[in-house]
Protein backbone atom coordinates (compact mmCIF):
# COMPACT_ATOMS: atom_id res chain seq x y z
CA MET A 1 -34.17 -28.78 -6.01
CA TRP A 2 -31.61 -27.35 -8.32
CA ASN A 3 -33.28 -28.07 -11.69
CA ASN A 4 -33.45 -24.91 -13.88
CA PHE A 5 -30.64 -23.45 -11.87
CA LYS A 6 -29.98 -19.68 -12.22
CA GLN A 7 -27.41 -17.40 -10.74
CA SER A 8 -30.10 -15.91 -8.47
CA ASP A 9 -30.67 -19.40 -7.01
CA ALA A 10 -27.08 -19.42 -5.99
CA MET A 11 -27.45 -16.31 -3.87
CA LYS A 12 -30.61 -17.76 -2.32
CA ARG A 13 -28.64 -20.81 -1.41
CA MET A 14 -25.82 -18.79 0.10
CA LEU A 15 -28.25 -16.76 2.18
CA ILE A 16 -29.80 -20.00 3.46
CA ALA A 17 -26.33 -21.20 4.35
CA ARG A 18 -25.60 -18.03 6.30
CA GLU A 19 -28.83 -18.39 8.23
CA ARG A 20 -28.10 -22.05 9.13
CA ILE A 21 -24.67 -21.15 10.33
CA ALA A 22 -25.95 -18.26 12.47
CA ARG A 23 -28.40 -20.65 14.15
CA ARG A 24 -25.60 -23.10 15.15
CA ASN A 25 -23.69 -20.68 17.28
CA PRO A 26 -24.20 -17.16 18.71
CA PHE A 27 -20.54 -16.29 17.90
CA PHE A 28 -21.06 -17.09 14.23
CA ALA A 29 -24.30 -15.08 14.15
CA SER A 30 -22.43 -12.00 15.49
CA ILE A 31 -19.78 -12.05 12.70
CA LEU A 32 -21.43 -13.57 9.66
CA PHE A 33 -23.07 -10.47 8.39
CA ASN A 34 -19.79 -8.60 8.40
CA ALA A 35 -18.87 -10.50 5.21
CA ARG A 36 -20.55 -9.45 1.94
CA LEU A 37 -21.63 -12.21 -0.43
CA GLU A 38 -20.95 -11.74 -4.15
CA GLU A 39 -21.39 -13.93 -7.26
CA SER A 40 -18.35 -14.39 -9.39
CA ASP A 41 -17.02 -16.88 -11.97
CA ARG A 42 -13.33 -15.74 -11.71
CA LYS A 43 -12.62 -18.92 -9.72
CA GLY A 44 -14.24 -22.26 -9.44
CA SER A 45 -15.56 -22.49 -5.88
CA ILE A 46 -16.18 -20.24 -2.79
CA TRP A 47 -13.37 -17.98 -1.57
CA THR A 48 -12.68 -14.79 0.18
CA ASN A 49 -10.40 -11.63 -0.02
CA GLY A 50 -10.90 -10.83 3.58
CA MET A 51 -13.74 -8.38 2.80
CA ARG A 52 -16.09 -10.33 0.62
CA VAL A 53 -17.06 -13.96 0.09
CA PHE A 54 -17.21 -14.78 -3.47
CA PHE A 55 -19.02 -17.86 -4.83
CA ASN A 56 -19.23 -19.47 -8.22
CA PRO A 57 -22.90 -20.34 -9.01
CA ASP A 58 -21.93 -23.55 -10.73
CA TYR A 59 -20.02 -24.69 -7.74
CA VAL A 60 -22.96 -23.92 -5.41
CA LYS A 61 -25.21 -26.01 -7.79
CA LYS A 62 -22.96 -29.05 -7.77
CA HIS A 63 -21.80 -29.05 -4.14
CA ASP A 64 -25.05 -28.32 -2.09
CA ALA A 65 -23.90 -30.49 0.80
CA TYR A 66 -20.74 -28.42 1.42
CA ILE A 67 -21.85 -24.86 1.05
CA GLU A 68 -22.33 -24.13 4.82
CA GLY A 69 -18.83 -25.53 5.59
CA ASP A 70 -17.17 -23.63 2.70
CA LEU A 71 -18.91 -20.37 3.67
CA LEU A 72 -17.96 -20.76 7.41
CA GLU A 73 -14.39 -21.38 6.52
CA CYS A 74 -14.28 -18.22 4.37
CA VAL A 75 -15.85 -16.21 7.14
CA MET A 76 -13.37 -17.49 9.71
CA HIS A 77 -10.42 -16.73 7.46
CA ALA A 78 -11.76 -13.20 7.12
CA ALA A 79 -12.60 -12.74 10.80
CA LEU A 80 -9.24 -14.04 11.93
CA GLN A 81 -7.53 -11.78 9.38
CA HIS A 82 -5.52 -14.62 7.83
CA ILE A 83 -4.78 -12.67 4.71
CA GLY A 84 -3.36 -9.69 6.58
CA ARG A 85 -1.49 -11.88 9.08
CA ARG A 86 0.50 -13.55 6.28
CA LYS A 87 2.94 -10.53 6.26
CA TYR A 88 6.29 -11.68 4.68
CA ARG A 89 5.41 -15.48 4.65
CA ASP A 90 5.17 -17.53 1.50
CA LYS A 91 1.60 -17.29 0.22
CA GLU A 92 0.99 -20.92 -0.69
CA ARG A 93 2.52 -22.26 2.48
CA TRP A 94 0.62 -19.69 4.60
CA ASN A 95 -2.69 -20.44 3.03
CA GLU A 96 -2.12 -24.14 3.79
CA ALA A 97 -1.28 -23.35 7.48
CA ALA A 98 -4.43 -21.14 7.79
CA ASP A 99 -6.62 -23.89 6.29
CA LEU A 100 -5.13 -26.52 8.63
CA SER A 101 -5.78 -24.14 11.64
CA VAL A 102 -9.44 -23.31 10.93
CA ARG A 103 -10.90 -26.35 9.13
CA PRO A 104 -11.03 -28.68 12.32
CA LEU A 105 -13.31 -26.04 13.88
CA VAL A 106 -15.46 -25.83 10.72
CA HIS A 107 -15.84 -29.57 10.59
CA GLN A 108 -17.29 -29.67 14.11
CA TYR A 109 -20.26 -27.83 12.68
CA PHE A 110 -20.57 -28.50 9.04
CA PRO A 111 -19.01 -30.88 6.46
CA GLN A 112 -16.82 -29.99 3.52
CA HIS A 113 -15.37 -32.21 0.78
CA SER A 114 -14.00 -35.36 2.31
CA ASP A 115 -10.39 -34.42 1.16
CA LEU A 116 -10.57 -31.30 3.29
CA HIS A 117 -11.17 -33.43 6.41
CA LYS A 118 -8.09 -35.65 6.11
CA ALA A 119 -5.63 -33.36 7.95
CA ASP A 120 -7.94 -32.43 10.84
CA GLY A 121 -5.97 -34.09 13.49
CA LEU A 122 -2.47 -33.12 12.46
CA PHE A 123 -2.05 -29.74 14.32
CA PRO A 124 -4.52 -29.62 17.22
CA ASN A 125 -4.77 -26.36 19.08
CA LYS A 126 -2.05 -24.52 17.08
CA ALA A 127 -2.18 -21.11 15.54
CA ALA A 128 -1.64 -20.57 11.85
CA GLU A 129 1.88 -19.12 12.55
CA GLU A 130 2.89 -22.23 14.49
CA ILE A 131 1.55 -24.55 11.73
CA TYR A 132 3.40 -22.59 9.08
CA GLU A 133 6.71 -23.51 10.81
CA LEU A 134 5.78 -27.12 11.08
CA ILE A 135 4.73 -27.96 7.59
CA GLU A 136 6.94 -28.49 4.63
CA GLN A 137 6.67 -26.19 1.68
CA LYS A 138 5.33 -28.27 -1.21
CA LYS A 139 4.62 -26.85 -4.59
CA GLY A 140 1.02 -27.25 -5.70
CA LYS A 141 -0.15 -28.74 -2.43
CA GLY A 142 -3.83 -27.92 -1.61
CA GLY A 143 -5.18 -27.34 -4.98
CA GLY A 144 -3.58 -24.94 -7.43
CA GLY A 145 -1.28 -22.03 -7.22
CA ASP A 146 -1.92 -19.87 -4.26
CA GLY A 147 -4.78 -22.04 -2.94
CA SER A 148 -7.43 -19.45 -3.63
CA ASP A 149 -9.32 -21.73 -6.15
CA GLN A 150 -10.09 -24.48 -3.57
CA PRO A 151 -13.23 -24.28 -1.34
CA GLY A 152 -12.59 -21.85 1.49
CA GLY A 153 -9.65 -20.32 -0.36
CA MET A 154 -8.16 -16.91 0.05
CA GLU A 155 -6.88 -14.18 -2.34
CA GLU A 156 -5.29 -10.84 -1.79
CA PRO A 157 -7.60 -7.75 -1.88
CA ASP A 158 -7.14 -5.24 -4.65
CA ASN A 159 -7.29 -2.16 -2.59
CA ALA A 160 -4.89 -1.83 0.39
CA ASP A 161 -6.96 1.07 1.94
CA ASP A 162 -10.08 -1.04 1.83
CA ALA A 163 -8.27 -3.98 3.28
CA GLU A 164 -7.03 -1.90 6.19
CA GLN A 165 -10.51 -0.59 6.98
CA SER A 166 -11.92 -4.08 6.65
CA SER A 167 -9.26 -5.39 9.08
CA LYS A 168 -10.43 -2.80 11.63
CA ASP A 169 -14.12 -3.73 11.04
CA TRP A 170 -13.32 -7.42 11.56
CA ALA A 171 -11.33 -6.73 14.78
CA ARG A 172 -14.33 -4.83 16.25
CA ALA A 173 -16.81 -7.50 15.09
CA VAL A 174 -14.77 -10.37 16.51
CA GLN A 175 -14.16 -8.53 19.82
CA ASN A 176 -17.85 -7.65 20.20
CA ALA A 177 -18.87 -11.21 19.36
CA THR A 178 -16.31 -12.61 21.89
CA ASP A 179 -17.45 -10.28 24.61
CA LYS A 180 -21.11 -11.13 24.08
CA ALA A 181 -20.46 -14.80 24.05
CA LYS A 182 -18.30 -14.74 27.19
CA LYS A 183 -20.94 -12.61 28.98
CA ALA A 184 -23.64 -15.08 28.00
CA GLY A 185 -21.38 -17.98 29.03
CA ASN A 186 -21.57 -19.68 25.60
CA MET A 187 -18.16 -19.04 24.06
CA PRO A 188 -16.81 -22.42 22.87
CA ALA A 189 -13.23 -23.01 23.81
CA ASN A 190 -12.17 -24.04 20.31
CA ILE A 191 -13.51 -20.75 18.87
CA LEU A 192 -11.85 -18.81 21.75
CA ARG A 193 -8.52 -20.46 20.90
CA LEU A 194 -8.70 -19.27 17.29
CA VAL A 195 -9.73 -15.70 18.35
CA GLU A 196 -6.81 -15.53 20.74
CA GLU A 197 -4.54 -16.10 17.72
CA LEU A 198 -5.23 -12.42 16.84
CA GLN A 199 -3.58 -11.34 20.10
CA ASP A 200 -0.83 -13.84 20.05
CA ASP A 201 0.29 -12.71 16.64
CA GLU A 202 1.39 -9.37 18.02
CA LYS A 203 3.08 -11.07 20.98
CA LEU A 204 5.59 -13.09 18.85
CA ASP A 205 9.20 -12.76 19.88
CA TRP A 206 10.86 -10.49 17.39
CA ARG A 207 13.90 -12.82 17.37
CA ASP A 208 11.67 -15.49 15.99
CA ILE A 209 10.61 -13.17 13.22
CA ILE A 210 14.27 -12.60 12.33
CA ARG A 211 14.69 -16.39 12.23
CA ASP A 212 11.83 -16.57 9.78
CA MET A 213 13.40 -13.90 7.64
CA SER A 214 16.65 -15.73 7.57
CA ARG A 215 15.05 -19.09 6.87
CA ASP A 216 13.00 -17.81 4.02
CA ALA A 217 15.98 -16.08 2.36
CA LYS A 218 18.16 -19.21 2.69
CA SER A 219 15.33 -21.42 1.32
CA ARG A 220 15.72 -19.50 -2.04
CA GLU A 221 18.71 -21.69 -2.84
CA SER A 222 21.11 -19.75 -4.92
CA ARG A 223 23.41 -21.69 -7.29
CA SER A 224 26.92 -20.70 -8.07
CA TRP A 225 29.23 -21.72 -10.96
CA ALA A 226 32.12 -21.45 -8.45
CA ARG A 227 30.81 -24.57 -6.78
CA MET A 228 30.09 -27.20 -9.46
CA ASN A 229 27.35 -29.77 -9.01
CA ARG A 230 29.24 -33.07 -8.81
CA ARG A 231 26.02 -35.10 -9.46
CA ARG A 232 25.37 -33.30 -12.79
CA GLN A 233 28.53 -33.45 -14.84
CA GLU A 234 26.89 -33.68 -18.31
CA PRO A 235 25.79 -31.10 -18.97
CA PRO A 236 27.69 -29.16 -16.21
CA MET A 237 25.43 -27.46 -13.68
CA PRO A 238 26.09 -24.91 -10.99
CA GLY A 239 26.17 -26.10 -7.41
CA TYR A 240 24.65 -24.50 -4.32
CA ALA A 241 26.43 -21.50 -2.80
CA ASP A 242 26.82 -21.63 0.99
CA ASP A 243 28.59 -18.25 1.36
CA ASN A 244 25.70 -15.92 0.48
CA ILE A 245 25.45 -12.66 2.52
CA TYR A 246 22.14 -12.43 4.39
CA ASN A 247 22.23 -8.86 5.44
CA LEU A 248 19.65 -7.54 7.93
CA ILE A 249 19.07 -3.83 8.41
CA ILE A 250 18.80 -2.89 12.10
CA CYS A 251 17.87 0.71 12.86
CA PHE A 252 18.25 2.14 16.38
CA ASP A 253 16.07 5.09 17.43
CA VAL A 254 18.57 7.47 19.00
CA SER A 255 16.23 10.46 19.35
CA GLY A 256 16.01 12.41 22.61
CA SER A 257 13.16 10.41 23.86
CA VAL A 258 15.31 7.15 23.94
CA SER A 259 17.29 6.85 27.18
CA ASP A 260 20.83 5.58 27.49
CA GLU A 261 19.55 2.55 29.33
CA MET A 262 17.05 1.82 26.51
CA LEU A 263 19.77 2.14 23.92
CA LYS A 264 21.97 -0.21 25.96
CA SER A 265 19.25 -2.82 25.99
CA MET A 266 18.81 -2.45 22.23
CA LYS A 267 22.46 -3.09 21.63
CA THR A 268 22.56 -6.12 24.08
CA GLU A 269 19.58 -7.69 22.22
CA VAL A 270 21.08 -7.24 18.78
CA ALA A 271 24.42 -8.66 20.00
CA ALA A 272 22.59 -11.75 21.17
CA VAL A 273 20.93 -12.12 17.79
CA LEU A 274 24.36 -11.99 16.10
CA ASP A 275 25.65 -14.68 18.59
CA GLN A 276 22.79 -17.01 17.57
CA ASN A 277 23.96 -17.12 13.90
CA LEU A 278 20.48 -16.17 12.61
CA ILE A 279 22.20 -13.82 10.15
CA ASN A 280 25.70 -13.37 8.96
CA GLN A 281 25.69 -9.57 8.48
CA ALA A 282 23.85 -6.66 9.94
CA THR A 283 23.87 -3.02 8.86
CA LEU A 284 23.39 -0.92 11.97
CA ILE A 285 21.91 2.61 11.40
CA ALA A 286 21.29 5.17 14.12
CA VAL A 287 18.32 7.43 13.34
CA ASP A 288 16.88 10.56 14.94
CA THR A 289 15.86 13.09 12.21
CA GLU A 290 18.30 11.53 9.83
CA PRO A 291 20.39 8.38 9.37
CA LYS A 292 23.80 8.44 10.90
CA SER A 293 26.54 6.23 12.45
CA ILE A 294 26.07 3.53 9.82
CA SER A 295 28.14 0.46 10.40
CA VAL A 296 28.22 -3.09 8.98
CA VAL A 297 28.94 -5.82 11.50
CA THR A 298 29.30 -9.60 11.33
CA ASN A 299 29.42 -10.54 15.02
CA ALA A 300 28.29 -9.57 18.42
CA GLN A 301 31.52 -7.71 19.28
CA GLY A 302 30.93 -5.42 16.36
CA VAL A 303 27.52 -4.35 17.88
CA ILE A 304 29.13 -3.89 21.34
CA ASP A 305 31.89 -1.66 19.98
CA TRP A 306 29.55 0.44 17.86
CA LYS A 307 29.08 4.00 19.26
CA PRO A 308 26.04 5.58 17.55
CA GLU A 309 25.43 9.31 17.68
CA GLY A 310 22.08 10.99 18.13
CA GLY A 311 19.86 12.81 20.56
CA GLY A 312 17.81 15.08 18.25
CA GLY A 313 14.26 14.92 17.15
CA THR A 314 12.42 11.96 15.68
CA ASP A 315 11.73 11.61 11.98
CA PHE A 316 12.33 8.30 10.21
CA ARG A 317 11.49 9.35 6.61
CA SER A 318 15.03 10.09 5.44
CA ALA A 319 16.32 6.90 6.93
CA LEU A 320 13.69 4.84 5.09
CA GLU A 321 14.55 6.61 1.87
CA LEU A 322 18.16 5.55 2.29
CA ILE A 323 17.15 2.05 3.07
CA ASN A 324 14.84 1.80 0.12
CA ALA A 325 17.49 3.19 -2.22
CA GLU A 326 20.64 1.49 -1.10
CA PHE A 327 19.61 -1.70 0.89
CA ALA A 328 16.83 -3.14 -1.20
CA GLN A 329 18.56 -6.66 -1.30
CA SER A 330 18.53 -7.03 2.39
CA ILE A 331 16.47 -9.85 4.02
CA GLY A 332 14.52 -7.48 6.23
CA LEU A 333 14.42 -4.52 8.52
CA VAL A 334 14.21 -4.48 12.37
CA PHE A 335 13.59 -1.04 13.85
CA LEU A 336 14.23 -0.66 17.57
CA THR A 337 12.28 2.36 18.78
CA ASP A 338 9.94 3.78 21.35
CA LEU A 339 7.54 4.65 18.47
CA GLU A 340 7.19 8.20 19.63
CA THR A 341 6.85 9.71 16.15
CA GLY A 342 4.37 10.31 13.36
CA SER A 343 6.95 10.17 10.59
CA PHE A 344 7.62 6.50 9.74
CA GLY A 345 8.65 6.91 6.20
CA ARG A 346 8.01 4.85 3.04
CA GLU A 347 7.36 1.15 3.33
CA THR A 348 10.17 -1.21 2.49
CA PRO A 349 10.13 -4.01 -0.23
CA PHE A 350 11.10 -6.56 2.46
CA PRO A 351 9.71 -7.60 5.83
CA THR A 352 9.86 -4.95 8.63
CA VAL A 353 9.52 -5.36 12.29
CA TRP A 354 9.00 -2.43 14.66
CA VAL A 355 10.13 -3.48 18.15
CA ASN A 356 8.43 -1.23 20.80
CA PHE A 357 11.01 -0.52 23.53
CA GLY A 358 8.88 2.31 25.01
CA GLY A 359 6.36 2.33 27.78
CA ASN A 360 3.31 3.04 25.60
CA LYS A 361 2.38 -0.39 24.34
CA SER A 362 -0.64 0.98 22.54
CA LEU A 363 1.55 2.69 19.90
CA LYS A 364 1.79 0.83 16.49
CA ALA A 365 3.62 1.64 13.27
CA PRO A 366 1.34 2.27 10.19
CA TRP A 367 3.03 -0.49 8.19
CA GLY A 368 5.05 -3.63 8.90
CA ARG A 369 4.56 -5.66 12.10
CA THR A 370 4.75 -4.02 15.51
CA VAL A 371 5.79 -6.19 18.48
CA GLU A 372 6.53 -5.53 22.07
CA TYR A 373 10.05 -5.79 23.50
């Protein structure tokens, strides 16, 4: 069949695969055509950037039996927005978690290379975020580098604006496909579970996200000459430092729309975080139209004793400028707010979580992750 193989034959084979997948399940049929197919020899297999599915024609020629499975995996990664959902997580480890989440579903419909089936039973019915916490970070696991060169791999999109629009398109496509399948009574439970990950992602406890920030910072094991490595005397080597400062920026919205009761709840929650020893230092910043009442605390009592000033309008831009300029080495930013503003400021170089303490749960920050209190 593949004698005298040409690049155009590869596209034909991909289109055939798309039609075969569409016939297997109405949900797949509703989302498949949202992914654009594109030939490329930049990598060696079939992969996605969340907007397009790229395929190497030589790979398509050599692996005819796996094309449907590889294509479906890429489409599911894109539809479930696995690239955007990575946020602050380690890329290689996240890609592995996303693969382990979606491949068992793919393999119920189409085969992939036998090596990709081996882990199917390890994490049943778990979201990618859950799997990420359960797997060990292993260099090089899953096929090279960031995992994008293996079948069904992922890579970051080049254009952030295009990626944002694509994310919205996928959200609509998945919601429409889900609604149609539910109405027709043919929405498989395993697909519904994966789709619900998109909703669960925004319902994560913000304290768990702080825990992730702290764990990721501490995993970058710093060495110090002040603590010598006793196992390596010749040549002498630095040991691991256990007294590093893991500073978390915590901003409190103290504008006029934030009530005293809401501010009290914010302080209580932050004090509880310090009590859990998730971090060993927090920089508290009160913000209305400008940063004020800045205080560095190391325990819950420091939060309780802090008396922030405020009560003006709402504009976070100057606060974000200060944070970007003077606190760039922090492990992350948590912003406690009712989100009643259109001035969110410039994105930080570290993970940011906006915790919505307000009554309007439809509000969302334009960058970072927004979660409900």
